[in-house]
Amino acid sequence: MRLATVTHEVRQPIRHVDQMASGGSYVAAFTLRITPACDSQDVTFRSEASDLHLEAWMESAVETGIREFVEQRERDGRPVGCFHVALADIQIHPTDSKETAFMRAAFIAMTQAFEAHETIIDCAKAK
């Protein structure tokens, strides 16, 4: 099976802001570190961020956005795999941090990273 992955380690910053949203303004700003992992076809996630205000729902929302990206690529017939994603850094706004903004920002960050650094590999060789 052929999968898309990144060509090299990528640090992908994202700042997703909307001050005119109907449900109130929101801010999601963080950096993902995406690393190729030829030893596994899986996509894995972990948090390396250490902000004192980081809450579990924020990490979960970022991971959900990454999983949505993976699932969307599968539905589009362009599957991805063989990489690790780490939440490397996060900037938390005390009042405007919203779960949906973090999910959407993670999806956008992954899309941007793959638009710039995607390569196709044969997974039979990747194992």
Protein backbone atom coordinates (compact mmCIF):
# COMPACT_ATOMS: atom_id res chain seq x y z
CA MET A 1 0.00 0.00 0.00
CA ARG A 2 1.21 3.48 -0.82
CA LEU A 3 0.85 6.21 1.80
CA ALA A 4 1.66 9.88 1.96
CA THR A 5 4.00 11.04 4.69
CA VAL A 6 6.31 14.02 5.23
CA THR A 7 9.74 14.19 3.61
CA HIS A 8 11.52 15.28 6.80
CA GLU A 9 10.78 16.63 10.28
CA VAL A 10 8.47 19.62 9.94
CA ARG A 11 7.64 22.28 12.53
CA GLN A 12 4.23 23.60 11.54
CA PRO A 13 3.03 26.69 13.41
CA ILE A 14 -0.63 27.66 13.26
CA ARG A 15 -2.49 30.69 14.51
CA HIS A 16 -6.24 30.35 13.98
CA VAL A 17 -8.12 33.47 15.10
CA ASP A 18 -11.62 34.79 14.55
CA GLN A 19 -12.69 37.90 16.41
CA MET A 20 -16.01 38.12 14.60
CA ALA A 21 -17.36 34.60 15.25
CA SER A 22 -21.06 34.41 16.06
CA GLY A 23 -20.40 32.36 19.21
CA GLY A 24 -17.73 34.77 20.43
CA SER A 25 -14.14 35.24 19.40
CA TYR A 26 -11.59 32.45 19.55
CA VAL A 27 -7.84 31.94 19.36
CA ALA A 28 -5.87 28.75 18.79
CA ALA A 29 -2.11 29.10 18.42
CA PHE A 30 0.35 26.24 18.61
CA THR A 31 3.12 24.41 16.78
CA LEU A 32 3.04 20.81 15.61
CA ARG A 33 6.20 18.79 15.04
CA ILE A 34 5.61 16.14 12.38
CA THR A 35 8.28 13.47 12.02
CA PRO A 36 8.46 10.64 9.48
CA ALA A 37 8.36 7.20 11.08
CA CYS A 38 9.25 4.51 8.58
CA ASP A 39 9.07 1.82 11.27
CA SER A 40 5.26 1.99 11.46
CA GLN A 41 2.33 2.72 9.14
CA ASP A 42 0.49 4.38 12.01
CA VAL A 43 -0.02 8.04 12.82
CA THR A 44 0.79 8.69 16.47
CA PHE A 45 0.32 11.77 18.63
CA ARG A 46 1.81 13.03 21.87
CA SER A 47 2.03 16.32 23.67
CA GLU A 48 5.37 17.90 24.51
CA ALA A 49 3.86 21.28 25.41
CA SER A 50 4.36 22.49 28.95
CA ASP A 51 2.23 25.63 29.32
CA LEU A 52 0.92 25.91 32.87
CA HIS A 53 -2.59 26.62 31.56
CA LEU A 54 -2.66 23.64 29.19
CA GLU A 55 -5.74 21.55 29.87
CA ALA A 56 -6.41 17.97 28.76
CA TRP A 57 -9.27 19.08 26.48
CA MET A 58 -6.83 21.22 24.49
CA GLU A 59 -4.51 18.27 23.81
CA SER A 60 -7.54 16.12 22.99
CA ALA A 61 -8.90 18.75 20.57
CA VAL A 62 -5.56 18.96 18.74
CA GLU A 63 -5.40 15.17 18.47
CA THR A 64 -9.02 15.09 17.20
CA GLY A 65 -8.14 17.61 14.47
CA ILE A 66 -5.17 15.46 13.42
CA ARG A 67 -7.36 12.33 13.33
CA GLU A 68 -9.96 14.22 11.24
CA PHE A 69 -7.20 15.13 8.77
CA VAL A 70 -6.13 11.47 8.53
CA GLU A 71 -9.74 10.31 8.06
CA GLN A 72 -10.47 12.98 5.43
CA ARG A 73 -7.41 11.96 3.44
CA GLU A 74 -8.58 8.32 3.60
CA ARG A 75 -12.04 9.31 2.32
CA ASP A 76 -10.41 11.31 -0.48
CA GLY A 77 -8.43 8.23 -1.56
CA ARG A 78 -5.11 9.82 -0.52
CA PRO A 79 -4.23 7.97 2.70
CA VAL A 80 -1.47 9.18 5.01
CA GLY A 81 0.66 7.33 7.54
CA CYS A 82 4.16 6.55 8.78
CA PHE A 83 4.60 9.67 10.91
CA HIS A 84 4.44 10.96 14.47
CA VAL A 85 2.85 14.28 15.47
CA ALA A 86 3.81 16.14 18.62
CA LEU A 87 2.18 19.22 20.09
CA ALA A 88 5.49 21.05 20.46
CA ASP A 89 4.32 24.43 21.71
CA ILE A 90 1.05 26.13 22.59
CA GLN A 91 -0.05 29.67 23.41
CA ILE A 92 -3.22 29.80 25.44
CA HIS A 93 -5.57 32.74 25.55
CA PRO A 94 -7.29 32.81 28.97
CA THR A 95 -10.79 33.61 27.68
CA ASP A 96 -10.85 32.86 23.96
CA SER A 97 -9.52 29.29 23.84
CA LYS A 98 -12.26 27.07 22.39
CA GLU A 99 -12.21 23.35 21.63
CA THR A 100 -13.52 23.67 18.08
CA ALA A 101 -10.86 26.26 17.25
CA PHE A 102 -8.10 23.88 18.36
CA MET A 103 -9.58 21.02 16.31
CA ARG A 104 -9.92 23.18 13.20
CA ALA A 105 -6.44 24.67 13.66
CA ALA A 106 -4.87 21.19 13.89
CA PHE A 107 -6.65 20.15 10.68
CA ILE A 108 -5.43 23.30 8.91
CA ALA A 109 -1.86 22.86 10.21
CA MET A 110 -1.71 19.27 8.96
CA THR A 111 -3.10 20.32 5.58
CA GLN A 112 -0.47 23.06 5.26
CA ALA A 113 2.36 20.72 6.29
CA PHE A 114 1.34 18.10 3.73
CA GLU A 115 0.86 20.67 0.96
CA ALA A 116 4.47 21.75 1.46
CA HIS A 117 6.27 18.53 2.46
CA GLU A 118 4.34 15.49 1.25
CA THR A 119 5.98 12.44 -0.28
CA ILE A 120 4.55 9.05 -1.25
CA ILE A 121 6.14 5.87 0.08
CA ASP A 122 5.53 2.17 -0.41
CA CYS A 123 4.51 0.84 2.99
CA ALA A 124 5.76 -2.64 2.23
CA LYS A 125 9.24 -1.08 2.25
CA ALA A 126 8.46 1.10 5.26
CA LYS A 127 8.03 -1.82 7.68
